[in-house]
Amino acid sequence: GVREWNFSLRGMGDRELLAAAQLA
């Protein structure tokens, strides 16, 4: 799960990262 998650974050900007973090 961690490897899949980290791969999915590639290329994300700050707002996308904050949204992904909030989901977690």
PDBML (XML) file of the C-alpha atoms, coordinates in Angstrom:
<?xml version="1.0" encoding="UTF-8" ?>
<PDBx:datablock datablockName="MODEL"
   xmlns:PDBx="http://pdbml.pdb.org/schema/pdbx-v50.xsd"
   xmlns:xsi="http://www.w3.org/2001/XMLSchema-instance"
   xsi:schemaLocation="http://pdbml.pdb.org/schema/pdbx-v50.xsd pdbx-v50.xsd">
   <PDBx:atom_siteCategory>
      <PDBx:atom_site id="1">
         <PDBx:B_iso_or_equiv>0.00</PDBx:B_iso_or_equiv>
         <PDBx:Cartn_x>0.000</PDBx:Cartn_x>
         <PDBx:Cartn_y>0.000</PDBx:Cartn_y>
         <PDBx:Cartn_z>0.000</PDBx:Cartn_z>
         <PDBx:auth_asym_id>A</PDBx:auth_asym_id>
         <PDBx:auth_atom_id>CA</PDBx:auth_atom_id>
         <PDBx:auth_comp_id>GLY</PDBx:auth_comp_id>
         <PDBx:auth_seq_id>1</PDBx:auth_seq_id>
         <PDBx:group_PDB>ATOM</PDBx:group_PDB>
         <PDBx:label_alt_id xsi:nil="true" />
         <PDBx:label_asym_id>A</PDBx:label_asym_id>
         <PDBx:label_atom_id>CA</PDBx:label_atom_id>
         <PDBx:label_comp_id>GLY</PDBx:label_comp_id>
         <PDBx:label_entity_id>1</PDBx:label_entity_id>
         <PDBx:label_seq_id>1</PDBx:label_seq_id>
         <PDBx:occupancy>1.00</PDBx:occupancy>
         <PDBx:pdbx_PDB_model_num>1</PDBx:pdbx_PDB_model_num>
         <PDBx:type_symbol>C</PDBx:type_symbol>
      </PDBx:atom_site>
      <PDBx:atom_site id="2">
         <PDBx:B_iso_or_equiv>0.00</PDBx:B_iso_or_equiv>
         <PDBx:Cartn_x>2.797</PDBx:Cartn_x>
         <PDBx:Cartn_y>2.434</PDBx:Cartn_y>
         <PDBx:Cartn_z>0.825</PDBx:Cartn_z>
         <PDBx:auth_asym_id>A</PDBx:auth_asym_id>
         <PDBx:auth_atom_id>CA</PDBx:auth_atom_id>
         <PDBx:auth_comp_id>VAL</PDBx:auth_comp_id>
         <PDBx:auth_seq_id>2</PDBx:auth_seq_id>
         <PDBx:group_PDB>ATOM</PDBx:group_PDB>
         <PDBx:label_alt_id xsi:nil="true" />
         <PDBx:label_asym_id>A</PDBx:label_asym_id>
         <PDBx:label_atom_id>CA</PDBx:label_atom_id>
         <PDBx:label_comp_id>VAL</PDBx:label_comp_id>
         <PDBx:label_entity_id>1</PDBx:label_entity_id>
         <PDBx:label_seq_id>2</PDBx:label_seq_id>
         <PDBx:occupancy>1.00</PDBx:occupancy>
         <PDBx:pdbx_PDB_model_num>1</PDBx:pdbx_PDB_model_num>
         <PDBx:type_symbol>C</PDBx:type_symbol>
      </PDBx:atom_site>
      <PDBx:atom_site id="3">
         <PDBx:B_iso_or_equiv>0.00</PDBx:B_iso_or_equiv>
         <PDBx:Cartn_x>4.524</PDBx:Cartn_x>
         <PDBx:Cartn_y>1.798</PDBx:Cartn_y>
         <PDBx:Cartn_z>-2.521</PDBx:Cartn_z>
         <PDBx:auth_asym_id>A</PDBx:auth_asym_id>
         <PDBx:auth_atom_id>CA</PDBx:auth_atom_id>
         <PDBx:auth_comp_id>ARG</PDBx:auth_comp_id>
         <PDBx:auth_seq_id>3</PDBx:auth_seq_id>
         <PDBx:group_PDB>ATOM</PDBx:group_PDB>
         <PDBx:label_alt_id xsi:nil="true" />
         <PDBx:label_asym_id>A</PDBx:label_asym_id>
         <PDBx:label_atom_id>CA</PDBx:label_atom_id>
         <PDBx:label_comp_id>ARG</PDBx:label_comp_id>
         <PDBx:label_entity_id>1</PDBx:label_entity_id>
         <PDBx:label_seq_id>3</PDBx:label_seq_id>
         <PDBx:occupancy>1.00</PDBx:occupancy>
         <PDBx:pdbx_PDB_model_num>1</PDBx:pdbx_PDB_model_num>
         <PDBx:type_symbol>C</PDBx:type_symbol>
      </PDBx:atom_site>
      <PDBx:atom_site id="4">
         <PDBx:B_iso_or_equiv>0.00</PDBx:B_iso_or_equiv>
         <PDBx:Cartn_x>1.265</PDBx:Cartn_x>
         <PDBx:Cartn_y>2.252</PDBx:Cartn_y>
         <PDBx:Cartn_z>-4.439</PDBx:Cartn_z>
         <PDBx:auth_asym_id>A</PDBx:auth_asym_id>
         <PDBx:auth_atom_id>CA</PDBx:auth_atom_id>
         <PDBx:auth_comp_id>GLU</PDBx:auth_comp_id>
         <PDBx:auth_seq_id>4</PDBx:auth_seq_id>
         <PDBx:group_PDB>ATOM</PDBx:group_PDB>
         <PDBx:label_alt_id xsi:nil="true" />
         <PDBx:label_asym_id>A</PDBx:label_asym_id>
         <PDBx:label_atom_id>CA</PDBx:label_atom_id>
         <PDBx:label_comp_id>GLU</PDBx:label_comp_id>
         <PDBx:label_entity_id>1</PDBx:label_entity_id>
         <PDBx:label_seq_id>4</PDBx:label_seq_id>
         <PDBx:occupancy>1.00</PDBx:occupancy>
         <PDBx:pdbx_PDB_model_num>1</PDBx:pdbx_PDB_model_num>
         <PDBx:type_symbol>C</PDBx:type_symbol>
      </PDBx:atom_site>
      <PDBx:atom_site id="5">
         <PDBx:B_iso_or_equiv>0.00</PDBx:B_iso_or_equiv>
         <PDBx:Cartn_x>0.495</PDBx:Cartn_x>
         <PDBx:Cartn_y>5.424</PDBx:Cartn_y>
         <PDBx:Cartn_z>-2.463</PDBx:Cartn_z>
         <PDBx:auth_asym_id>A</PDBx:auth_asym_id>
         <PDBx:auth_atom_id>CA</PDBx:auth_atom_id>
         <PDBx:auth_comp_id>TRP</PDBx:auth_comp_id>
         <PDBx:auth_seq_id>5</PDBx:auth_seq_id>
         <PDBx:group_PDB>ATOM</PDBx:group_PDB>
         <PDBx:label_alt_id xsi:nil="true" />
         <PDBx:label_asym_id>A</PDBx:label_asym_id>
         <PDBx:label_atom_id>CA</PDBx:label_atom_id>
         <PDBx:label_comp_id>TRP</PDBx:label_comp_id>
         <PDBx:label_entity_id>1</PDBx:label_entity_id>
         <PDBx:label_seq_id>5</PDBx:label_seq_id>
         <PDBx:occupancy>1.00</PDBx:occupancy>
         <PDBx:pdbx_PDB_model_num>1</PDBx:pdbx_PDB_model_num>
         <PDBx:type_symbol>C</PDBx:type_symbol>
      </PDBx:atom_site>
      <PDBx:atom_site id="6">
         <PDBx:B_iso_or_equiv>0.00</PDBx:B_iso_or_equiv>
         <PDBx:Cartn_x>3.904</PDBx:Cartn_x>
         <PDBx:Cartn_y>6.997</PDBx:Cartn_y>
         <PDBx:Cartn_z>-3.034</PDBx:Cartn_z>
         <PDBx:auth_asym_id>A</PDBx:auth_asym_id>
         <PDBx:auth_atom_id>CA</PDBx:auth_atom_id>
         <PDBx:auth_comp_id>ASN</PDBx:auth_comp_id>
         <PDBx:auth_seq_id>6</PDBx:auth_seq_id>
         <PDBx:group_PDB>ATOM</PDBx:group_PDB>
         <PDBx:label_alt_id xsi:nil="true" />
         <PDBx:label_asym_id>A</PDBx:label_asym_id>
         <PDBx:label_atom_id>CA</PDBx:label_atom_id>
         <PDBx:label_comp_id>ASN</PDBx:label_comp_id>
         <PDBx:label_entity_id>1</PDBx:label_entity_id>
         <PDBx:label_seq_id>6</PDBx:label_seq_id>
         <PDBx:occupancy>1.00</PDBx:occupancy>
         <PDBx:pdbx_PDB_model_num>1</PDBx:pdbx_PDB_model_num>
         <PDBx:type_symbol>C</PDBx:type_symbol>
      </PDBx:atom_site>
      <PDBx:atom_site id="7">
         <PDBx:B_iso_or_equiv>0.00</PDBx:B_iso_or_equiv>
         <PDBx:Cartn_x>3.794</PDBx:Cartn_x>
         <PDBx:Cartn_y>6.241</PDBx:Cartn_y>
         <PDBx:Cartn_z>-6.747</PDBx:Cartn_z>
         <PDBx:auth_asym_id>A</PDBx:auth_asym_id>
         <PDBx:auth_atom_id>CA</PDBx:auth_atom_id>
         <PDBx:auth_comp_id>PHE</PDBx:auth_comp_id>
         <PDBx:auth_seq_id>7</PDBx:auth_seq_id>
         <PDBx:group_PDB>ATOM</PDBx:group_PDB>
         <PDBx:label_alt_id xsi:nil="true" />
         <PDBx:label_asym_id>A</PDBx:label_asym_id>
         <PDBx:label_atom_id>CA</PDBx:label_atom_id>
         <PDBx:label_comp_id>PHE</PDBx:label_comp_id>
         <PDBx:label_entity_id>1</PDBx:label_entity_id>
         <PDBx:label_seq_id>7</PDBx:label_seq_id>
         <PDBx:occupancy>1.00</PDBx:occupancy>
         <PDBx:pdbx_PDB_model_num>1</PDBx:pdbx_PDB_model_num>
         <PDBx:type_symbol>C</PDBx:type_symbol>
      </PDBx:atom_site>
      <PDBx:atom_site id="8">
         <PDBx:B_iso_or_equiv>0.00</PDBx:B_iso_or_equiv>
         <PDBx:Cartn_x>0.393</PDBx:Cartn_x>
         <PDBx:Cartn_y>7.928</PDBx:Cartn_y>
         <PDBx:Cartn_z>-6.954</PDBx:Cartn_z>
         <PDBx:auth_asym_id>A</PDBx:auth_asym_id>
         <PDBx:auth_atom_id>CA</PDBx:auth_atom_id>
         <PDBx:auth_comp_id>SER</PDBx:auth_comp_id>
         <PDBx:auth_seq_id>8</PDBx:auth_seq_id>
         <PDBx:group_PDB>ATOM</PDBx:group_PDB>
         <PDBx:label_alt_id xsi:nil="true" />
         <PDBx:label_asym_id>A</PDBx:label_asym_id>
         <PDBx:label_atom_id>CA</PDBx:label_atom_id>
         <PDBx:label_comp_id>SER</PDBx:label_comp_id>
         <PDBx:label_entity_id>1</PDBx:label_entity_id>
         <PDBx:label_seq_id>8</PDBx:label_seq_id>
         <PDBx:occupancy>1.00</PDBx:occupancy>
         <PDBx:pdbx_PDB_model_num>1</PDBx:pdbx_PDB_model_num>
         <PDBx:type_symbol>C</PDBx:type_symbol>
      </PDBx:atom_site>
      <PDBx:atom_site id="9">
         <PDBx:B_iso_or_equiv>0.00</PDBx:B_iso_or_equiv>
         <PDBx:Cartn_x>1.801</PDBx:Cartn_x>
         <PDBx:Cartn_y>11.154</PDBx:Cartn_y>
         <PDBx:Cartn_z>-5.474</PDBx:Cartn_z>
         <PDBx:auth_asym_id>A</PDBx:auth_asym_id>
         <PDBx:auth_atom_id>CA</PDBx:auth_atom_id>
         <PDBx:auth_comp_id>LEU</PDBx:auth_comp_id>
         <PDBx:auth_seq_id>9</PDBx:auth_seq_id>
         <PDBx:group_PDB>ATOM</PDBx:group_PDB>
         <PDBx:label_alt_id xsi:nil="true" />
         <PDBx:label_asym_id>A</PDBx:label_asym_id>
         <PDBx:label_atom_id>CA</PDBx:label_atom_id>
         <PDBx:label_comp_id>LEU</PDBx:label_comp_id>
         <PDBx:label_entity_id>1</PDBx:label_entity_id>
         <PDBx:label_seq_id>9</PDBx:label_seq_id>
         <PDBx:occupancy>1.00</PDBx:occupancy>
         <PDBx:pdbx_PDB_model_num>1</PDBx:pdbx_PDB_model_num>
         <PDBx:type_symbol>C</PDBx:type_symbol>
      </PDBx:atom_site>
      <PDBx:atom_site id="10">
         <PDBx:B_iso_or_equiv>0.00</PDBx:B_iso_or_equiv>
         <PDBx:Cartn_x>4.278</PDBx:Cartn_x>
         <PDBx:Cartn_y>11.693</PDBx:Cartn_y>
         <PDBx:Cartn_z>-8.322</PDBx:Cartn_z>
         <PDBx:auth_asym_id>A</PDBx:auth_asym_id>
         <PDBx:auth_atom_id>CA</PDBx:auth_atom_id>
         <PDBx:auth_comp_id>ARG</PDBx:auth_comp_id>
         <PDBx:auth_seq_id>10</PDBx:auth_seq_id>
         <PDBx:group_PDB>ATOM</PDBx:group_PDB>
         <PDBx:label_alt_id xsi:nil="true" />
         <PDBx:label_asym_id>A</PDBx:label_asym_id>
         <PDBx:label_atom_id>CA</PDBx:label_atom_id>
         <PDBx:label_comp_id>ARG</PDBx:label_comp_id>
         <PDBx:label_entity_id>1</PDBx:label_entity_id>
         <PDBx:label_seq_id>10</PDBx:label_seq_id>
         <PDBx:occupancy>1.00</PDBx:occupancy>
         <PDBx:pdbx_PDB_model_num>1</PDBx:pdbx_PDB_model_num>
         <PDBx:type_symbol>C</PDBx:type_symbol>
      </PDBx:atom_site>
      <PDBx:atom_site id="11">
         <PDBx:B_iso_or_equiv>0.00</PDBx:B_iso_or_equiv>
         <PDBx:Cartn_x>3.715</PDBx:Cartn_x>
         <PDBx:Cartn_y>15.003</PDBx:Cartn_y>
         <PDBx:Cartn_z>-10.072</PDBx:Cartn_z>
         <PDBx:auth_asym_id>A</PDBx:auth_asym_id>
         <PDBx:auth_atom_id>CA</PDBx:auth_atom_id>
         <PDBx:auth_comp_id>GLY</PDBx:auth_comp_id>
         <PDBx:auth_seq_id>11</PDBx:auth_seq_id>
         <PDBx:group_PDB>ATOM</PDBx:group_PDB>
         <PDBx:label_alt_id xsi:nil="true" />
         <PDBx:label_asym_id>A</PDBx:label_asym_id>
         <PDBx:label_atom_id>CA</PDBx:label_atom_id>
         <PDBx:label_comp_id>GLY</PDBx:label_comp_id>
         <PDBx:label_entity_id>1</PDBx:label_entity_id>
         <PDBx:label_seq_id>11</PDBx:label_seq_id>
         <PDBx:occupancy>1.00</PDBx:occupancy>
         <PDBx:pdbx_PDB_model_num>1</PDBx:pdbx_PDB_model_num>
         <PDBx:type_symbol>C</PDBx:type_symbol>
      </PDBx:atom_site>
      <PDBx:atom_site id="12">
         <PDBx:B_iso_or_equiv>0.00</PDBx:B_iso_or_equiv>
         <PDBx:Cartn_x>1.154</PDBx:Cartn_x>
         <PDBx:Cartn_y>16.303</PDBx:Cartn_y>
         <PDBx:Cartn_z>-7.572</PDBx:Cartn_z>
         <PDBx:auth_asym_id>A</PDBx:auth_asym_id>
         <PDBx:auth_atom_id>CA</PDBx:auth_atom_id>
         <PDBx:auth_comp_id>MET</PDBx:auth_comp_id>
         <PDBx:auth_seq_id>12</PDBx:auth_seq_id>
         <PDBx:group_PDB>ATOM</PDBx:group_PDB>
         <PDBx:label_alt_id xsi:nil="true" />
         <PDBx:label_asym_id>A</PDBx:label_asym_id>
         <PDBx:label_atom_id>CA</PDBx:label_atom_id>
         <PDBx:label_comp_id>MET</PDBx:label_comp_id>
         <PDBx:label_entity_id>1</PDBx:label_entity_id>
         <PDBx:label_seq_id>12</PDBx:label_seq_id>
         <PDBx:occupancy>1.00</PDBx:occupancy>
         <PDBx:pdbx_PDB_model_num>1</PDBx:pdbx_PDB_model_num>
         <PDBx:type_symbol>C</PDBx:type_symbol>
      </PDBx:atom_site>
      <PDBx:atom_site id="13">
         <PDBx:B_iso_or_equiv>0.00</PDBx:B_iso_or_equiv>
         <PDBx:Cartn_x>1.205</PDBx:Cartn_x>
         <PDBx:Cartn_y>19.975</PDBx:Cartn_y>
         <PDBx:Cartn_z>-6.606</PDBx:Cartn_z>
         <PDBx:auth_asym_id>A</PDBx:auth_asym_id>
         <PDBx:auth_atom_id>CA</PDBx:auth_atom_id>
         <PDBx:auth_comp_id>GLY</PDBx:auth_comp_id>
         <PDBx:auth_seq_id>13</PDBx:auth_seq_id>
         <PDBx:group_PDB>ATOM</PDBx:group_PDB>
         <PDBx:label_alt_id xsi:nil="true" />
         <PDBx:label_asym_id>A</PDBx:label_asym_id>
         <PDBx:label_atom_id>CA</PDBx:label_atom_id>
         <PDBx:label_comp_id>GLY</PDBx:label_comp_id>
         <PDBx:label_entity_id>1</PDBx:label_entity_id>
         <PDBx:label_seq_id>13</PDBx:label_seq_id>
         <PDBx:occupancy>1.00</PDBx:occupancy>
         <PDBx:pdbx_PDB_model_num>1</PDBx:pdbx_PDB_model_num>
         <PDBx:type_symbol>C</PDBx:type_symbol>
      </PDBx:atom_site>
      <PDBx:atom_site id="14">
         <PDBx:B_iso_or_equiv>0.00</PDBx:B_iso_or_equiv>
         <PDBx:Cartn_x>0.704</PDBx:Cartn_x>
         <PDBx:Cartn_y>21.311</PDBx:Cartn_y>
         <PDBx:Cartn_z>-3.095</PDBx:Cartn_z>
         <PDBx:auth_asym_id>A</PDBx:auth_asym_id>
         <PDBx:auth_atom_id>CA</PDBx:auth_atom_id>
         <PDBx:auth_comp_id>ASP</PDBx:auth_comp_id>
         <PDBx:auth_seq_id>14</PDBx:auth_seq_id>
         <PDBx:group_PDB>ATOM</PDBx:group_PDB>
         <PDBx:label_alt_id xsi:nil="true" />
         <PDBx:label_asym_id>A</PDBx:label_asym_id>
         <PDBx:label_atom_id>CA</PDBx:label_atom_id>
         <PDBx:label_comp_id>ASP</PDBx:label_comp_id>
         <PDBx:label_entity_id>1</PDBx:label_entity_id>
         <PDBx:label_seq_id>14</PDBx:label_seq_id>
         <PDBx:occupancy>1.00</PDBx:occupancy>
         <PDBx:pdbx_PDB_model_num>1</PDBx:pdbx_PDB_model_num>
         <PDBx:type_symbol>C</PDBx:type_symbol>
      </PDBx:atom_site>
      <PDBx:atom_site id="15">
         <PDBx:B_iso_or_equiv>0.00</PDBx:B_iso_or_equiv>
         <PDBx:Cartn_x>-3.090</PDBx:Cartn_x>
         <PDBx:Cartn_y>21.352</PDBx:Cartn_y>
         <PDBx:Cartn_z>-3.170</PDBx:Cartn_z>
         <PDBx:auth_asym_id>A</PDBx:auth_asym_id>
         <PDBx:auth_atom_id>CA</PDBx:auth_atom_id>
         <PDBx:auth_comp_id>ARG</PDBx:auth_comp_id>
         <PDBx:auth_seq_id>15</PDBx:auth_seq_id>
         <PDBx:group_PDB>ATOM</PDBx:group_PDB>
         <PDBx:label_alt_id xsi:nil="true" />
         <PDBx:label_asym_id>A</PDBx:label_asym_id>
         <PDBx:label_atom_id>CA</PDBx:label_atom_id>
         <PDBx:label_comp_id>ARG</PDBx:label_comp_id>
         <PDBx:label_entity_id>1</PDBx:label_entity_id>
         <PDBx:label_seq_id>15</PDBx:label_seq_id>
         <PDBx:occupancy>1.00</PDBx:occupancy>
         <PDBx:pdbx_PDB_model_num>1</PDBx:pdbx_PDB_model_num>
         <PDBx:type_symbol>C</PDBx:type_symbol>
      </PDBx:atom_site>
      <PDBx:atom_site id="16">
         <PDBx:B_iso_or_equiv>0.00</PDBx:B_iso_or_equiv>
         <PDBx:Cartn_x>-3.304</PDBx:Cartn_x>
         <PDBx:Cartn_y>17.816</PDBx:Cartn_y>
         <PDBx:Cartn_z>-4.556</PDBx:Cartn_z>
         <PDBx:auth_asym_id>A</PDBx:auth_asym_id>
         <PDBx:auth_atom_id>CA</PDBx:auth_atom_id>
         <PDBx:auth_comp_id>GLU</PDBx:auth_comp_id>
         <PDBx:auth_seq_id>16</PDBx:auth_seq_id>
         <PDBx:group_PDB>ATOM</PDBx:group_PDB>
         <PDBx:label_alt_id xsi:nil="true" />
         <PDBx:label_asym_id>A</PDBx:label_asym_id>
         <PDBx:label_atom_id>CA</PDBx:label_atom_id>
         <PDBx:label_comp_id>GLU</PDBx:label_comp_id>
         <PDBx:label_entity_id>1</PDBx:label_entity_id>
         <PDBx:label_seq_id>16</PDBx:label_seq_id>
         <PDBx:occupancy>1.00</PDBx:occupancy>
         <PDBx:pdbx_PDB_model_num>1</PDBx:pdbx_PDB_model_num>
         <PDBx:type_symbol>C</PDBx:type_symbol>
      </PDBx:atom_site>
      <PDBx:atom_site id="17">
         <PDBx:B_iso_or_equiv>0.00</PDBx:B_iso_or_equiv>
         <PDBx:Cartn_x>-0.863</PDBx:Cartn_x>
         <PDBx:Cartn_y>16.620</PDBx:Cartn_y>
         <PDBx:Cartn_z>-1.900</PDBx:Cartn_z>
         <PDBx:auth_asym_id>A</PDBx:auth_asym_id>
         <PDBx:auth_atom_id>CA</PDBx:auth_atom_id>
         <PDBx:auth_comp_id>LEU</PDBx:auth_comp_id>
         <PDBx:auth_seq_id>17</PDBx:auth_seq_id>
         <PDBx:group_PDB>ATOM</PDBx:group_PDB>
         <PDBx:label_alt_id xsi:nil="true" />
         <PDBx:label_asym_id>A</PDBx:label_asym_id>
         <PDBx:label_atom_id>CA</PDBx:label_atom_id>
         <PDBx:label_comp_id>LEU</PDBx:label_comp_id>
         <PDBx:label_entity_id>1</PDBx:label_entity_id>
         <PDBx:label_seq_id>17</PDBx:label_seq_id>
         <PDBx:occupancy>1.00</PDBx:occupancy>
         <PDBx:pdbx_PDB_model_num>1</PDBx:pdbx_PDB_model_num>
         <PDBx:type_symbol>C</PDBx:type_symbol>
      </PDBx:atom_site>
      <PDBx:atom_site id="18">
         <PDBx:B_iso_or_equiv>0.00</PDBx:B_iso_or_equiv>
         <PDBx:Cartn_x>-2.868</PDBx:Cartn_x>
         <PDBx:Cartn_y>18.283</PDBx:Cartn_y>
         <PDBx:Cartn_z>0.853</PDBx:Cartn_z>
         <PDBx:auth_asym_id>A</PDBx:auth_asym_id>
         <PDBx:auth_atom_id>CA</PDBx:auth_atom_id>
         <PDBx:auth_comp_id>LEU</PDBx:auth_comp_id>
         <PDBx:auth_seq_id>18</PDBx:auth_seq_id>
         <PDBx:group_PDB>ATOM</PDBx:group_PDB>
         <PDBx:label_alt_id xsi:nil="true" />
         <PDBx:label_asym_id>A</PDBx:label_asym_id>
         <PDBx:label_atom_id>CA</PDBx:label_atom_id>
         <PDBx:label_comp_id>LEU</PDBx:label_comp_id>
         <PDBx:label_entity_id>1</PDBx:label_entity_id>
         <PDBx:label_seq_id>18</PDBx:label_seq_id>
         <PDBx:occupancy>1.00</PDBx:occupancy>
         <PDBx:pdbx_PDB_model_num>1</PDBx:pdbx_PDB_model_num>
         <PDBx:type_symbol>C</PDBx:type_symbol>
      </PDBx:atom_site>
      <PDBx:atom_site id="19">
         <PDBx:B_iso_or_equiv>0.00</PDBx:B_iso_or_equiv>
         <PDBx:Cartn_x>-6.030</PDBx:Cartn_x>
         <PDBx:Cartn_y>16.599</PDBx:Cartn_y>
         <PDBx:Cartn_z>-0.441</PDBx:Cartn_z>
         <PDBx:auth_asym_id>A</PDBx:auth_asym_id>
         <PDBx:auth_atom_id>CA</PDBx:auth_atom_id>
         <PDBx:auth_comp_id>ALA</PDBx:auth_comp_id>
         <PDBx:auth_seq_id>19</PDBx:auth_seq_id>
         <PDBx:group_PDB>ATOM</PDBx:group_PDB>
         <PDBx:label_alt_id xsi:nil="true" />
         <PDBx:label_asym_id>A</PDBx:label_asym_id>
         <PDBx:label_atom_id>CA</PDBx:label_atom_id>
         <PDBx:label_comp_id>ALA</PDBx:label_comp_id>
         <PDBx:label_entity_id>1</PDBx:label_entity_id>
         <PDBx:label_seq_id>19</PDBx:label_seq_id>
         <PDBx:occupancy>1.00</PDBx:occupancy>
         <PDBx:pdbx_PDB_model_num>1</PDBx:pdbx_PDB_model_num>
         <PDBx:type_symbol>C</PDBx:type_symbol>
      </PDBx:atom_site>
      <PDBx:atom_site id="20">
         <PDBx:B_iso_or_equiv>0.00</PDBx:B_iso_or_equiv>
         <PDBx:Cartn_x>-4.330</PDBx:Cartn_x>
         <PDBx:Cartn_y>13.199</PDBx:Cartn_y>
         <PDBx:Cartn_z>-0.579</PDBx:Cartn_z>
         <PDBx:auth_asym_id>A</PDBx:auth_asym_id>
         <PDBx:auth_atom_id>CA</PDBx:auth_atom_id>
         <PDBx:auth_comp_id>ALA</PDBx:auth_comp_id>
         <PDBx:auth_seq_id>20</PDBx:auth_seq_id>
         <PDBx:group_PDB>ATOM</PDBx:group_PDB>
         <PDBx:label_alt_id xsi:nil="true" />
         <PDBx:label_asym_id>A</PDBx:label_asym_id>
         <PDBx:label_atom_id>CA</PDBx:label_atom_id>
         <PDBx:label_comp_id>ALA</PDBx:label_comp_id>
         <PDBx:label_entity_id>1</PDBx:label_entity_id>
         <PDBx:label_seq_id>20</PDBx:label_seq_id>
         <PDBx:occupancy>1.00</PDBx:occupancy>
         <PDBx:pdbx_PDB_model_num>1</PDBx:pdbx_PDB_model_num>
         <PDBx:type_symbol>C</PDBx:type_symbol>
      </PDBx:atom_site>
      <PDBx:atom_site id="21">
         <PDBx:B_iso_or_equiv>0.00</PDBx:B_iso_or_equiv>
         <PDBx:Cartn_x>-2.913</PDBx:Cartn_x>
         <PDBx:Cartn_y>13.716</PDBx:Cartn_y>
         <PDBx:Cartn_z>2.920</PDBx:Cartn_z>
         <PDBx:auth_asym_id>A</PDBx:auth_asym_id>
         <PDBx:auth_atom_id>CA</PDBx:auth_atom_id>
         <PDBx:auth_comp_id>ALA</PDBx:auth_comp_id>
         <PDBx:auth_seq_id>21</PDBx:auth_seq_id>
         <PDBx:group_PDB>ATOM</PDBx:group_PDB>
         <PDBx:label_alt_id xsi:nil="true" />
         <PDBx:label_asym_id>A</PDBx:label_asym_id>
         <PDBx:label_atom_id>CA</PDBx:label_atom_id>
         <PDBx:label_comp_id>ALA</PDBx:label_comp_id>
         <PDBx:label_entity_id>1</PDBx:label_entity_id>
         <PDBx:label_seq_id>21</PDBx:label_seq_id>
         <PDBx:occupancy>1.00</PDBx:occupancy>
         <PDBx:pdbx_PDB_model_num>1</PDBx:pdbx_PDB_model_num>
         <PDBx:type_symbol>C</PDBx:type_symbol>
      </PDBx:atom_site>
      <PDBx:atom_site id="22">
         <PDBx:B_iso_or_equiv>0.00</PDBx:B_iso_or_equiv>
         <PDBx:Cartn_x>-6.370</PDBx:Cartn_x>
         <PDBx:Cartn_y>14.658</PDBx:Cartn_y>
         <PDBx:Cartn_z>4.225</PDBx:Cartn_z>
         <PDBx:auth_asym_id>A</PDBx:auth_asym_id>
         <PDBx:auth_atom_id>CA</PDBx:auth_atom_id>
         <PDBx:auth_comp_id>GLN</PDBx:auth_comp_id>
         <PDBx:auth_seq_id>22</PDBx:auth_seq_id>
         <PDBx:group_PDB>ATOM</PDBx:group_PDB>
         <PDBx:label_alt_id xsi:nil="true" />
         <PDBx:label_asym_id>A</PDBx:label_asym_id>
         <PDBx:label_atom_id>CA</PDBx:label_atom_id>
         <PDBx:label_comp_id>GLN</PDBx:label_comp_id>
         <PDBx:label_entity_id>1</PDBx:label_entity_id>
         <PDBx:label_seq_id>22</PDBx:label_seq_id>
         <PDBx:occupancy>1.00</PDBx:occupancy>
         <PDBx:pdbx_PDB_model_num>1</PDBx:pdbx_PDB_model_num>
         <PDBx:type_symbol>C</PDBx:type_symbol>
      </PDBx:atom_site>
      <PDBx:atom_site id="23">
         <PDBx:B_iso_or_equiv>0.00</PDBx:B_iso_or_equiv>
         <PDBx:Cartn_x>-7.804</PDBx:Cartn_x>
         <PDBx:Cartn_y>11.476</PDBx:Cartn_y>
         <PDBx:Cartn_z>2.743</PDBx:Cartn_z>
         <PDBx:auth_asym_id>A</PDBx:auth_asym_id>
         <PDBx:auth_atom_id>CA</PDBx:auth_atom_id>
         <PDBx:auth_comp_id>LEU</PDBx:auth_comp_id>
         <PDBx:auth_seq_id>23</PDBx:auth_seq_id>
         <PDBx:group_PDB>ATOM</PDBx:group_PDB>
         <PDBx:label_alt_id xsi:nil="true" />
         <PDBx:label_asym_id>A</PDBx:label_asym_id>
         <PDBx:label_atom_id>CA</PDBx:label_atom_id>
         <PDBx:label_comp_id>LEU</PDBx:label_comp_id>
         <PDBx:label_entity_id>1</PDBx:label_entity_id>
         <PDBx:label_seq_id>23</PDBx:label_seq_id>
         <PDBx:occupancy>1.00</PDBx:occupancy>
         <PDBx:pdbx_PDB_model_num>1</PDBx:pdbx_PDB_model_num>
         <PDBx:type_symbol>C</PDBx:type_symbol>
      </PDBx:atom_site>
      <PDBx:atom_site id="24">
         <PDBx:B_iso_or_equiv>0.00</PDBx:B_iso_or_equiv>
         <PDBx:Cartn_x>-5.242</PDBx:Cartn_x>
         <PDBx:Cartn_y>9.462</PDBx:Cartn_y>
         <PDBx:Cartn_z>4.693</PDBx:Cartn_z>
         <PDBx:auth_asym_id>A</PDBx:auth_asym_id>
         <PDBx:auth_atom_id>CA</PDBx:auth_atom_id>
         <PDBx:auth_comp_id>ALA</PDBx:auth_comp_id>
         <PDBx:auth_seq_id>24</PDBx:auth_seq_id>
         <PDBx:group_PDB>ATOM</PDBx:group_PDB>
         <PDBx:label_alt_id xsi:nil="true" />
         <PDBx:label_asym_id>A</PDBx:label_asym_id>
         <PDBx:label_atom_id>CA</PDBx:label_atom_id>
         <PDBx:label_comp_id>ALA</PDBx:label_comp_id>
         <PDBx:label_entity_id>1</PDBx:label_entity_id>
         <PDBx:label_seq_id>24</PDBx:label_seq_id>
         <PDBx:occupancy>1.00</PDBx:occupancy>
         <PDBx:pdbx_PDB_model_num>1</PDBx:pdbx_PDB_model_num>
         <PDBx:type_symbol>C</PDBx:type_symbol>
      </PDBx:atom_site>
   </PDBx:atom_siteCategory>
</PDBx:datablock>
